[in-house]
mmCIF file of all heavy atoms, coordinates in Angstrom:
data_MODEL
# 
_entry.id   MODEL 
# 
loop_
_atom_site.group_PDB 
_atom_site.id 
_atom_site.type_symbol 
_atom_site.label_atom_id 
_atom_site.label_alt_id 
_atom_site.label_comp_id 
_atom_site.label_asym_id 
_atom_site.label_entity_id 
_atom_site.label_seq_id 
_atom_site.pdbx_PDB_ins_code 
_atom_site.Cartn_x 
_atom_site.Cartn_y 
_atom_site.Cartn_z 
_atom_site.occupancy 
_atom_site.B_iso_or_equiv 
_atom_site.pdbx_formal_charge 
_atom_site.auth_seq_id 
_atom_site.auth_comp_id 
_atom_site.auth_asym_id 
_atom_site.auth_atom_id 
_atom_site.pdbx_PDB_model_num 
ATOM 1   N N   . THR A 1 1  ? -53.249 16.291 -5.363  1.00 0.00 ? 1  THR A N   1 
ATOM 2   C CA  . THR A 1 1  ? -51.777 16.514 -5.923  1.00 0.00 ? 1  THR A CA  1 
ATOM 3   C C   . THR A 1 1  ? -51.904 17.001 -7.256  1.00 0.00 ? 1  THR A C   1 
ATOM 4   O O   . THR A 1 1  ? -52.813 16.669 -8.099  1.00 0.00 ? 1  THR A O   1 
ATOM 5   C CB  . THR A 1 1  ? -51.136 15.177 -5.901  1.00 0.00 ? 1  THR A CB  1 
ATOM 6   O OG1 . THR A 1 1  ? -51.078 14.578 -4.619  1.00 0.00 ? 1  THR A OG1 1 
ATOM 7   C CG2 . THR A 1 1  ? -49.642 15.274 -6.428  1.00 0.00 ? 1  THR A CG2 1 
ATOM 8   N N   . ILE A 1 2  ? -51.018 17.986 -7.607  1.00 0.00 ? 2  ILE A N   1 
ATOM 9   C CA  . ILE A 1 2  ? -51.056 18.559 -8.929  1.00 0.00 ? 2  ILE A CA  1 
ATOM 10  C C   . ILE A 1 2  ? -49.963 17.884 -9.730  1.00 0.00 ? 2  ILE A C   1 
ATOM 11  O O   . ILE A 1 2  ? -48.781 17.855 -9.274  1.00 0.00 ? 2  ILE A O   1 
ATOM 12  C CB  . ILE A 1 2  ? -50.734 20.092 -8.910  1.00 0.00 ? 2  ILE A CB  1 
ATOM 13  C CG1 . ILE A 1 2  ? -51.730 20.765 -7.974  1.00 0.00 ? 2  ILE A CG1 1 
ATOM 14  C CG2 . ILE A 1 2  ? -50.780 20.684 -10.288 1.00 0.00 ? 2  ILE A CG2 1 
ATOM 15  C CD1 . ILE A 1 2  ? -53.170 20.731 -8.420  1.00 0.00 ? 2  ILE A CD1 1 
ATOM 16  N N   . ARG A 1 3  ? -50.260 17.290 -10.809 1.00 0.00 ? 3  ARG A N   1 
ATOM 17  C CA  . ARG A 1 3  ? -49.290 16.613 -11.741 1.00 0.00 ? 3  ARG A CA  1 
ATOM 18  C C   . ARG A 1 3  ? -49.355 17.201 -13.153 1.00 0.00 ? 3  ARG A C   1 
ATOM 19  O O   . ARG A 1 3  ? -50.288 17.037 -13.880 1.00 0.00 ? 3  ARG A O   1 
ATOM 20  C CB  . ARG A 1 3  ? -49.637 15.029 -11.824 1.00 0.00 ? 3  ARG A CB  1 
ATOM 21  C CG  . ARG A 1 3  ? -49.555 14.319 -10.497 1.00 0.00 ? 3  ARG A CG  1 
ATOM 22  C CD  . ARG A 1 3  ? -48.255 14.297 -9.974  1.00 0.00 ? 3  ARG A CD  1 
ATOM 23  N NE  . ARG A 1 3  ? -48.181 13.389 -8.780  1.00 0.00 ? 3  ARG A NE  1 
ATOM 24  C CZ  . ARG A 1 3  ? -47.076 13.248 -8.070  1.00 0.00 ? 3  ARG A CZ  1 
ATOM 25  N NH1 . ARG A 1 3  ? -45.953 13.937 -8.311  1.00 0.00 ? 3  ARG A NH1 1 
ATOM 26  N NH2 . ARG A 1 3  ? -47.076 12.550 -6.914  1.00 0.00 ? 3  ARG A NH2 1 
ATOM 27  N N   . HIS A 1 4  ? -48.315 18.047 -13.358 1.00 0.00 ? 4  HIS A N   1 
ATOM 28  C CA  . HIS A 1 4  ? -48.291 18.766 -14.721 1.00 0.00 ? 4  HIS A CA  1 
ATOM 29  C C   . HIS A 1 4  ? -47.875 17.836 -15.851 1.00 0.00 ? 4  HIS A C   1 
ATOM 30  O O   . HIS A 1 4  ? -47.026 16.956 -15.628 1.00 0.00 ? 4  HIS A O   1 
ATOM 31  C CB  . HIS A 1 4  ? -47.406 19.950 -14.610 1.00 0.00 ? 4  HIS A CB  1 
ATOM 32  C CG  . HIS A 1 4  ? -47.809 21.018 -13.583 1.00 0.00 ? 4  HIS A CG  1 
ATOM 33  N ND1 . HIS A 1 4  ? -47.190 21.139 -12.437 1.00 0.00 ? 4  HIS A ND1 1 
ATOM 34  C CD2 . HIS A 1 4  ? -48.801 21.984 -13.709 1.00 0.00 ? 4  HIS A CD2 1 
ATOM 35  C CE1 . HIS A 1 4  ? -47.826 22.196 -11.784 1.00 0.00 ? 4  HIS A CE1 1 
ATOM 36  N NE2 . HIS A 1 4  ? -48.702 22.655 -12.562 1.00 0.00 ? 4  HIS A NE2 1 
ATOM 37  N N   . LEU A 1 5  ? -48.450 18.021 -16.992 1.00 0.00 ? 5  LEU A N   1 
ATOM 38  C CA  . LEU A 1 5  ? -48.136 17.351 -18.154 1.00 0.00 ? 5  LEU A CA  1 
ATOM 39  C C   . LEU A 1 5  ? -47.837 18.416 -19.252 1.00 0.00 ? 5  LEU A C   1 
ATOM 40  O O   . LEU A 1 5  ? -48.607 19.374 -19.595 1.00 0.00 ? 5  LEU A O   1 
ATOM 41  C CB  . LEU A 1 5  ? -49.249 16.390 -18.678 1.00 0.00 ? 5  LEU A CB  1 
ATOM 42  C CG  . LEU A 1 5  ? -49.675 15.365 -17.749 1.00 0.00 ? 5  LEU A CG  1 
ATOM 43  C CD1 . LEU A 1 5  ? -50.910 14.649 -18.254 1.00 0.00 ? 5  LEU A CD1 1 
ATOM 44  C CD2 . LEU A 1 5  ? -48.520 14.369 -17.528 1.00 0.00 ? 5  LEU A CD2 1 
ATOM 45  N N   . GLY A 1 6  ? -46.615 18.331 -19.976 1.00 0.00 ? 6  GLY A N   1 
ATOM 46  C CA  . GLY A 1 6  ? -46.214 19.361 -20.917 1.00 0.00 ? 6  GLY A CA  1 
ATOM 47  C C   . GLY A 1 6  ? -46.343 18.643 -22.331 1.00 0.00 ? 6  GLY A C   1 
ATOM 48  O O   . GLY A 1 6  ? -45.617 17.676 -22.638 1.00 0.00 ? 6  GLY A O   1 
ATOM 49  N N   . MET A 1 7  ? -47.174 19.285 -23.139 1.00 0.00 ? 7  MET A N   1 
ATOM 50  C CA  . MET A 1 7  ? -47.275 18.881 -24.518 1.00 0.00 ? 7  MET A CA  1 
ATOM 51  C C   . MET A 1 7  ? -47.442 20.162 -25.380 1.00 0.00 ? 7  MET A C   1 
ATOM 52  O O   . MET A 1 7  ? -48.201 21.032 -24.956 1.00 0.00 ? 7  MET A O   1 
ATOM 53  C CB  . MET A 1 7  ? -48.412 17.961 -24.776 1.00 0.00 ? 7  MET A CB  1 
ATOM 54  C CG  . MET A 1 7  ? -48.175 16.483 -24.326 1.00 0.00 ? 7  MET A CG  1 
ATOM 55  S SD  . MET A 1 7  ? -49.672 15.505 -24.617 1.00 0.00 ? 7  MET A SD  1 
ATOM 56  C CE  . MET A 1 7  ? -50.412 15.587 -22.948 1.00 0.00 ? 7  MET A CE  1 
ATOM 57  N N   . TYR A 1 8  ? -46.915 20.157 -26.489 1.00 0.00 ? 8  TYR A N   1 
ATOM 58  C CA  . TYR A 1 8  ? -47.269 21.278 -27.497 1.00 0.00 ? 8  TYR A CA  1 
ATOM 59  C C   . TYR A 1 8  ? -47.630 20.581 -28.818 1.00 0.00 ? 8  TYR A C   1 
ATOM 60  O O   . TYR A 1 8  ? -47.270 19.500 -29.116 1.00 0.00 ? 8  TYR A O   1 
ATOM 61  C CB  . TYR A 1 8  ? -46.162 22.279 -27.689 1.00 0.00 ? 8  TYR A CB  1 
ATOM 62  C CG  . TYR A 1 8  ? -44.809 21.714 -28.374 1.00 0.00 ? 8  TYR A CG  1 
ATOM 63  C CD1 . TYR A 1 8  ? -44.681 21.761 -29.784 1.00 0.00 ? 8  TYR A CD1 1 
ATOM 64  C CD2 . TYR A 1 8  ? -43.783 21.125 -27.611 1.00 0.00 ? 8  TYR A CD2 1 
ATOM 65  C CE1 . TYR A 1 8  ? -43.521 21.282 -30.459 1.00 0.00 ? 8  TYR A CE1 1 
ATOM 66  C CE2 . TYR A 1 8  ? -42.614 20.683 -28.244 1.00 0.00 ? 8  TYR A CE2 1 
ATOM 67  C CZ  . TYR A 1 8  ? -42.553 20.756 -29.598 1.00 0.00 ? 8  TYR A CZ  1 
ATOM 68  O OH  . TYR A 1 8  ? -41.422 20.276 -30.239 1.00 0.00 ? 8  TYR A OH  1 
ATOM 69  N N   . ARG A 1 9  ? -48.410 21.295 -29.585 1.00 0.00 ? 9  ARG A N   1 
ATOM 70  C CA  . ARG A 1 9  ? -48.899 20.774 -30.813 1.00 0.00 ? 9  ARG A CA  1 
ATOM 71  C C   . ARG A 1 9  ? -48.027 21.140 -32.040 1.00 0.00 ? 9  ARG A C   1 
ATOM 72  O O   . ARG A 1 9  ? -47.678 22.270 -32.231 1.00 0.00 ? 9  ARG A O   1 
ATOM 73  C CB  . ARG A 1 9  ? -50.347 21.362 -31.160 1.00 0.00 ? 9  ARG A CB  1 
ATOM 74  C CG  . ARG A 1 9  ? -51.038 20.770 -32.355 1.00 0.00 ? 9  ARG A CG  1 
ATOM 75  C CD  . ARG A 1 9  ? -52.502 21.239 -32.490 1.00 0.00 ? 9  ARG A CD  1 
ATOM 76  N NE  . ARG A 1 9  ? -52.544 22.712 -32.635 1.00 0.00 ? 9  ARG A NE  1 
ATOM 77  C CZ  . ARG A 1 9  ? -53.736 23.283 -32.779 1.00 0.00 ? 9  ARG A CZ  1 
ATOM 78  N NH1 . ARG A 1 9  ? -54.851 22.620 -32.832 1.00 0.00 ? 9  ARG A NH1 1 
ATOM 79  N NH2 . ARG A 1 9  ? -53.774 24.643 -33.022 1.00 0.00 ? 9  ARG A NH2 1 
ATOM 80  N N   . ASP A 1 10 ? -47.663 20.080 -32.813 1.00 0.00 ? 10 ASP A N   1 
ATOM 81  C CA  . ASP A 1 10 ? -46.950 20.316 -34.026 1.00 0.00 ? 10 ASP A CA  1 
ATOM 82  C C   . ASP A 1 10 ? -47.963 20.974 -35.010 1.00 0.00 ? 10 ASP A C   1 
ATOM 83  O O   . ASP A 1 10 ? -48.993 20.404 -35.303 1.00 0.00 ? 10 ASP A O   1 
ATOM 84  C CB  . ASP A 1 10 ? -46.415 18.953 -34.550 1.00 0.00 ? 10 ASP A CB  1 
ATOM 85  C CG  . ASP A 1 10 ? -45.655 19.160 -35.830 1.00 0.00 ? 10 ASP A CG  1 
ATOM 86  O OD1 . ASP A 1 10 ? -46.156 19.658 -36.799 1.00 0.00 ? 10 ASP A OD1 1 
ATOM 87  O OD2 . ASP A 1 10 ? -44.401 18.698 -35.786 1.00 0.00 ? 10 ASP A OD2 1 
ATOM 88  N N   . GLU A 1 11 ? -47.576 22.169 -35.459 1.00 0.00 ? 11 GLU A N   1 
ATOM 89  C CA  . GLU A 1 11 ? -48.564 22.894 -36.251 1.00 0.00 ? 11 GLU A CA  1 
ATOM 90  C C   . GLU A 1 11 ? -48.786 22.279 -37.633 1.00 0.00 ? 11 GLU A C   1 
ATOM 91  O O   . GLU A 1 11 ? -49.738 22.662 -38.314 1.00 0.00 ? 11 GLU A O   1 
ATOM 92  C CB  . GLU A 1 11 ? -48.074 24.385 -36.409 1.00 0.00 ? 11 GLU A CB  1 
ATOM 93  C CG  . GLU A 1 11 ? -48.046 25.130 -35.097 1.00 0.00 ? 11 GLU A CG  1 
ATOM 94  C CD  . GLU A 1 11 ? -49.402 25.201 -34.436 1.00 0.00 ? 11 GLU A CD  1 
ATOM 95  O OE1 . GLU A 1 11 ? -50.477 25.209 -35.157 1.00 0.00 ? 11 GLU A OE1 1 
ATOM 96  O OE2 . GLU A 1 11 ? -49.465 25.186 -33.209 1.00 0.00 ? 11 GLU A OE2 1 
ATOM 97  N N   . LYS A 1 12 ? -47.928 21.394 -38.090 1.00 0.00 ? 12 LYS A N   1 
ATOM 98  C CA  . LYS A 1 12 ? -48.157 20.743 -39.433 1.00 0.00 ? 12 LYS A CA  1 
ATOM 99  C C   . LYS A 1 12 ? -48.925 19.439 -39.189 1.00 0.00 ? 12 LYS A C   1 
ATOM 100 O O   . LYS A 1 12 ? -49.849 19.223 -40.048 1.00 0.00 ? 12 LYS A O   1 
ATOM 101 C CB  . LYS A 1 12 ? -46.764 20.463 -40.028 1.00 0.00 ? 12 LYS A CB  1 
ATOM 102 C CG  . LYS A 1 12 ? -46.003 21.672 -40.465 1.00 0.00 ? 12 LYS A CG  1 
ATOM 103 C CD  . LYS A 1 12 ? -44.736 21.294 -41.106 1.00 0.00 ? 12 LYS A CD  1 
ATOM 104 C CE  . LYS A 1 12 ? -43.925 22.564 -41.616 1.00 0.00 ? 12 LYS A CE  1 
ATOM 105 N NZ  . LYS A 1 12 ? -42.648 22.193 -42.323 1.00 0.00 ? 12 LYS A NZ  1 
ATOM 106 N N   . THR A 1 13 ? -48.588 18.633 -38.235 1.00 0.00 ? 13 THR A N   1 
ATOM 107 C CA  . THR A 1 13 ? -49.309 17.363 -38.096 1.00 0.00 ? 13 THR A CA  1 
ATOM 108 C C   . THR A 1 13 ? -50.477 17.441 -37.127 1.00 0.00 ? 13 THR A C   1 
ATOM 109 O O   . THR A 1 13 ? -51.357 16.508 -37.097 1.00 0.00 ? 13 THR A O   1 
ATOM 110 C CB  . THR A 1 13 ? -48.356 16.248 -37.639 1.00 0.00 ? 13 THR A CB  1 
ATOM 111 O OG1 . THR A 1 13 ? -47.930 16.600 -36.300 1.00 0.00 ? 13 THR A OG1 1 
ATOM 112 C CG2 . THR A 1 13 ? -47.166 16.153 -38.583 1.00 0.00 ? 13 THR A CG2 1 
ATOM 113 N N   . LEU A 1 14 ? -50.543 18.430 -36.302 1.00 0.00 ? 14 LEU A N   1 
ATOM 114 C CA  . LEU A 1 14 ? -51.527 18.689 -35.291 1.00 0.00 ? 14 LEU A CA  1 
ATOM 115 C C   . LEU A 1 14 ? -51.395 17.527 -34.143 1.00 0.00 ? 14 LEU A C   1 
ATOM 116 O O   . LEU A 1 14 ? -52.367 17.412 -33.375 1.00 0.00 ? 14 LEU A O   1 
ATOM 117 C CB  . LEU A 1 14 ? -52.913 18.701 -35.760 1.00 0.00 ? 14 LEU A CB  1 
ATOM 118 C CG  . LEU A 1 14 ? -53.284 19.766 -36.902 1.00 0.00 ? 14 LEU A CG  1 
ATOM 119 C CD1 . LEU A 1 14 ? -54.698 19.803 -37.303 1.00 0.00 ? 14 LEU A CD1 1 
ATOM 120 C CD2 . LEU A 1 14 ? -52.873 21.229 -36.377 1.00 0.00 ? 14 LEU A CD2 1 
ATOM 121 N N   . LYS A 1 15 ? -50.237 16.876 -34.157 1.00 0.00 ? 15 LYS A N   1 
ATOM 122 C CA  . LYS A 1 15 ? -49.997 15.773 -33.156 1.00 0.00 ? 15 LYS A CA  1 
ATOM 123 C C   . LYS A 1 15 ? -49.307 16.458 -32.010 1.00 0.00 ? 15 LYS A C   1 
ATOM 124 O O   . LYS A 1 15 ? -48.483 17.336 -32.115 1.00 0.00 ? 15 LYS A O   1 
ATOM 125 C CB  . LYS A 1 15 ? -49.155 14.679 -33.763 1.00 0.00 ? 15 LYS A CB  1 
ATOM 126 C CG  . LYS A 1 15 ? -49.886 14.060 -34.908 1.00 0.00 ? 15 LYS A CG  1 
ATOM 127 C CD  . LYS A 1 15 ? -51.045 13.186 -34.421 1.00 0.00 ? 15 LYS A CD  1 
ATOM 128 C CE  . LYS A 1 15 ? -51.650 12.451 -35.679 1.00 0.00 ? 15 LYS A CE  1 
ATOM 129 N NZ  . LYS A 1 15 ? -52.829 11.678 -35.308 1.00 0.00 ? 15 LYS A NZ  1 
ATOM 130 N N   . PRO A 1 16 ? -49.476 15.883 -30.750 1.00 0.00 ? 16 PRO A N   1 
ATOM 131 C CA  . PRO A 1 16 ? -48.843 16.401 -29.561 1.00 0.00 ? 16 PRO A CA  1 
ATOM 132 C C   . PRO A 1 16 ? -47.394 15.882 -29.484 1.00 0.00 ? 16 PRO A C   1 
ATOM 133 O O   . PRO A 1 16 ? -47.097 14.812 -29.866 1.00 0.00 ? 16 PRO A O   1 
ATOM 134 C CB  . PRO A 1 16 ? -49.640 15.882 -28.425 1.00 0.00 ? 16 PRO A CB  1 
ATOM 135 C CG  . PRO A 1 16 ? -50.189 14.557 -28.910 1.00 0.00 ? 16 PRO A CG  1 
ATOM 136 C CD  . PRO A 1 16 ? -50.444 14.882 -30.416 1.00 0.00 ? 16 PRO A CD  1 
ATOM 137 N N   . ILE A 1 17 ? -46.468 16.774 -28.935 1.00 0.00 ? 17 ILE A N   1 
ATOM 138 C CA  . ILE A 1 17 ? -45.151 16.448 -28.721 1.00 0.00 ? 17 ILE A CA  1 
ATOM 139 C C   . ILE A 1 17 ? -44.939 16.610 -27.220 1.00 0.00 ? 17 ILE A C   1 
ATOM 140 O O   . ILE A 1 17 ? -45.025 17.742 -26.727 1.00 0.00 ? 17 ILE A O   1 
ATOM 141 C CB  . ILE A 1 17 ? -44.171 17.307 -29.519 1.00 0.00 ? 17 ILE A CB  1 
ATOM 142 C CG1 . ILE A 1 17 ? -44.449 17.080 -31.109 1.00 0.00 ? 17 ILE A CG1 1 
ATOM 143 C CG2 . ILE A 1 17 ? -42.712 17.019 -29.208 1.00 0.00 ? 17 ILE A CG2 1 
ATOM 144 C CD1 . ILE A 1 17 ? -43.620 17.952 -31.893 1.00 0.00 ? 17 ILE A CD1 1 
ATOM 145 N N   . TRP A 1 18 ? -44.511 15.559 -26.555 1.00 0.00 ? 18 TRP A N   1 
ATOM 146 C CA  . TRP A 1 18 ? -44.277 15.663 -25.077 1.00 0.00 ? 18 TRP A CA  1 
ATOM 147 C C   . TRP A 1 18 ? -42.911 16.302 -24.788 1.00 0.00 ? 18 TRP A C   1 
ATOM 148 O O   . TRP A 1 18 ? -41.991 16.181 -25.589 1.00 0.00 ? 18 TRP A O   1 
ATOM 149 C CB  . TRP A 1 18 ? -44.200 14.258 -24.475 1.00 0.00 ? 18 TRP A CB  1 
ATOM 150 C CG  . TRP A 1 18 ? -45.534 13.475 -24.370 1.00 0.00 ? 18 TRP A CG  1 
ATOM 151 C CD1 . TRP A 1 18 ? -46.123 12.910 -25.279 1.00 0.00 ? 18 TRP A CD1 1 
ATOM 152 C CD2 . TRP A 1 18 ? -46.310 13.411 -23.200 1.00 0.00 ? 18 TRP A CD2 1 
ATOM 153 N NE1 . TRP A 1 18 ? -47.315 12.299 -24.756 1.00 0.00 ? 18 TRP A NE1 1 
ATOM 154 C CE2 . TRP A 1 18 ? -47.432 12.560 -23.484 1.00 0.00 ? 18 TRP A CE2 1 
ATOM 155 C CE3 . TRP A 1 18 ? -46.179 13.899 -21.914 1.00 0.00 ? 18 TRP A CE3 1 
ATOM 156 C CZ2 . TRP A 1 18 ? -48.404 12.285 -22.500 1.00 0.00 ? 18 TRP A CZ2 1 
ATOM 157 C CZ3 . TRP A 1 18 ? -47.132 13.667 -20.928 1.00 0.00 ? 18 TRP A CZ3 1 
ATOM 158 C CH2 . TRP A 1 18 ? -48.216 12.897 -21.292 1.00 0.00 ? 18 TRP A CH2 1 
ATOM 159 N N   . TYR A 1 19 ? -42.990 17.144 -23.808 1.00 0.00 ? 19 TYR A N   1 
ATOM 160 C CA  . TYR A 1 19 ? -41.789 17.722 -23.239 1.00 0.00 ? 19 TYR A CA  1 
ATOM 161 C C   . TYR A 1 19 ? -41.582 17.763 -21.797 1.00 0.00 ? 19 TYR A C   1 
ATOM 162 O O   . TYR A 1 19 ? -40.643 18.088 -21.229 1.00 0.00 ? 19 TYR A O   1 
ATOM 163 C CB  . TYR A 1 19 ? -41.442 19.125 -23.868 1.00 0.00 ? 19 TYR A CB  1 
ATOM 164 C CG  . TYR A 1 19 ? -42.432 20.204 -23.293 1.00 0.00 ? 19 TYR A CG  1 
ATOM 165 C CD1 . TYR A 1 19 ? -42.249 20.955 -22.117 1.00 0.00 ? 19 TYR A CD1 1 
ATOM 166 C CD2 . TYR A 1 19 ? -43.756 20.435 -24.022 1.00 0.00 ? 19 TYR A CD2 1 
ATOM 167 C CE1 . TYR A 1 19 ? -43.198 21.852 -21.670 1.00 0.00 ? 19 TYR A CE1 1 
ATOM 168 C CE2 . TYR A 1 19 ? -44.568 21.404 -23.547 1.00 0.00 ? 19 TYR A CE2 1 
ATOM 169 C CZ  . TYR A 1 19 ? -44.351 22.187 -22.452 1.00 0.00 ? 19 TYR A CZ  1 
ATOM 170 O OH  . TYR A 1 19 ? -45.289 23.030 -21.949 1.00 0.00 ? 19 TYR A OH  1 
ATOM 171 N N   . TYR A 1 20 ? -42.660 17.379 -21.008 1.00 0.00 ? 20 TYR A N   1 
ATOM 172 C CA  . TYR A 1 20 ? -42.642 17.362 -19.549 1.00 0.00 ? 20 TYR A CA  1 
ATOM 173 C C   . TYR A 1 20 ? -43.617 16.383 -19.065 1.00 0.00 ? 20 TYR A C   1 
ATOM 174 O O   . TYR A 1 20 ? -44.802 16.312 -19.539 1.00 0.00 ? 20 TYR A O   1 
ATOM 175 C CB  . TYR A 1 20 ? -42.992 18.796 -19.055 1.00 0.00 ? 20 TYR A CB  1 
ATOM 176 C CG  . TYR A 1 20 ? -42.785 19.027 -17.558 1.00 0.00 ? 20 TYR A CG  1 
ATOM 177 C CD1 . TYR A 1 20 ? -41.524 19.117 -17.055 1.00 0.00 ? 20 TYR A CD1 1 
ATOM 178 C CD2 . TYR A 1 20 ? -43.807 19.018 -16.684 1.00 0.00 ? 20 TYR A CD2 1 
ATOM 179 C CE1 . TYR A 1 20 ? -41.234 19.279 -15.726 1.00 0.00 ? 20 TYR A CE1 1 
ATOM 180 C CE2 . TYR A 1 20 ? -43.599 19.198 -15.349 1.00 0.00 ? 20 TYR A CE2 1 
ATOM 181 C CZ  . TYR A 1 20 ? -42.357 19.299 -14.828 1.00 0.00 ? 20 TYR A CZ  1 
ATOM 182 O OH  . TYR A 1 20 ? -42.195 19.523 -13.452 1.00 0.00 ? 20 TYR A OH  1 
ATOM 183 N N   . ASN A 1 21 ? -43.174 15.596 -17.972 1.00 0.00 ? 21 ASN A N   1 
ATOM 184 C CA  . ASN A 1 21 ? -44.149 14.619 -17.450 1.00 0.00 ? 21 ASN A CA  1 
ATOM 185 C C   . ASN A 1 21 ? -43.793 14.568 -15.986 1.00 0.00 ? 21 ASN A C   1 
ATOM 186 O O   . ASN A 1 21 ? -42.792 13.992 -15.532 1.00 0.00 ? 21 ASN A O   1 
ATOM 187 C CB  . ASN A 1 21 ? -44.017 13.248 -18.084 1.00 0.00 ? 21 ASN A CB  1 
ATOM 188 C CG  . ASN A 1 21 ? -44.902 12.216 -17.504 1.00 0.00 ? 21 ASN A CG  1 
ATOM 189 O OD1 . ASN A 1 21 ? -45.607 12.368 -16.513 1.00 0.00 ? 21 ASN A OD1 1 
ATOM 190 N ND2 . ASN A 1 21 ? -44.894 10.933 -18.142 1.00 0.00 ? 21 ASN A ND2 1 
ATOM 191 N N   . LYS A 1 22 ? -44.738 15.016 -15.082 1.00 0.00 ? 22 LYS A N   1 
ATOM 192 C CA  . LYS A 1 22 ? -44.531 15.092 -13.606 1.00 0.00 ? 22 LYS A CA  1 
ATOM 193 C C   . LYS A 1 22 ? -45.373 13.958 -12.973 1.00 0.00 ? 22 LYS A C   1 
ATOM 194 O O   . LYS A 1 22 ? -45.571 14.075 -11.759 1.00 0.00 ? 22 LYS A O   1 
ATOM 195 C CB  . LYS A 1 22 ? -44.908 16.449 -13.080 1.00 0.00 ? 22 LYS A CB  1 
ATOM 196 C CG  . LYS A 1 22 ? -44.458 16.702 -11.698 1.00 0.00 ? 22 LYS A CG  1 
ATOM 197 C CD  . LYS A 1 22 ? -42.955 16.701 -11.574 1.00 0.00 ? 22 LYS A CD  1 
ATOM 198 C CE  . LYS A 1 22 ? -42.454 17.079 -10.152 1.00 0.00 ? 22 LYS A CE  1 
ATOM 199 N NZ  . LYS A 1 22 ? -41.060 16.991 -9.966  1.00 0.00 ? 22 LYS A NZ  1 
ATOM 200 N N   . VAL A 1 23 ? -45.723 12.921 -13.733 1.00 0.00 ? 23 VAL A N   1 
ATOM 201 C CA  . VAL A 1 23 ? -46.465 11.823 -13.072 1.00 0.00 ? 23 VAL A CA  1 
ATOM 202 C C   . VAL A 1 23 ? -45.563 10.699 -12.778 1.00 0.00 ? 23 VAL A C   1 
ATOM 203 O O   . VAL A 1 23 ? -44.750 10.239 -13.594 1.00 0.00 ? 23 VAL A O   1 
ATOM 204 C CB  . VAL A 1 23 ? -47.543 11.256 -14.095 1.00 0.00 ? 23 VAL A CB  1 
ATOM 205 C CG1 . VAL A 1 23 ? -48.321 10.176 -13.496 1.00 0.00 ? 23 VAL A CG1 1 
ATOM 206 C CG2 . VAL A 1 23 ? -48.515 12.461 -14.514 1.00 0.00 ? 23 VAL A CG2 1 
ATOM 207 N N   . PRO A 1 24 ? -45.583 10.189 -11.468 1.00 0.00 ? 24 PRO A N   1 
ATOM 208 C CA  . PRO A 1 24 ? -44.714 9.173  -11.059 1.00 0.00 ? 24 PRO A CA  1 
ATOM 209 C C   . PRO A 1 24 ? -44.916 7.879  -11.784 1.00 0.00 ? 24 PRO A C   1 
ATOM 210 O O   . PRO A 1 24 ? -45.960 7.739  -12.348 1.00 0.00 ? 24 PRO A O   1 
ATOM 211 C CB  . PRO A 1 24 ? -44.908 9.005  -9.607  1.00 0.00 ? 24 PRO A CB  1 
ATOM 212 C CG  . PRO A 1 24 ? -46.268 9.524  -9.436  1.00 0.00 ? 24 PRO A CG  1 
ATOM 213 C CD  . PRO A 1 24 ? -46.455 10.609 -10.460 1.00 0.00 ? 24 PRO A CD  1 
# 
């Protein structure tokens, strides 16, 4: 099963920001 996870990196803090979670 393919479960996508969406995160992008805050360019100032280098911390991930979630925007998508396809995990039940």
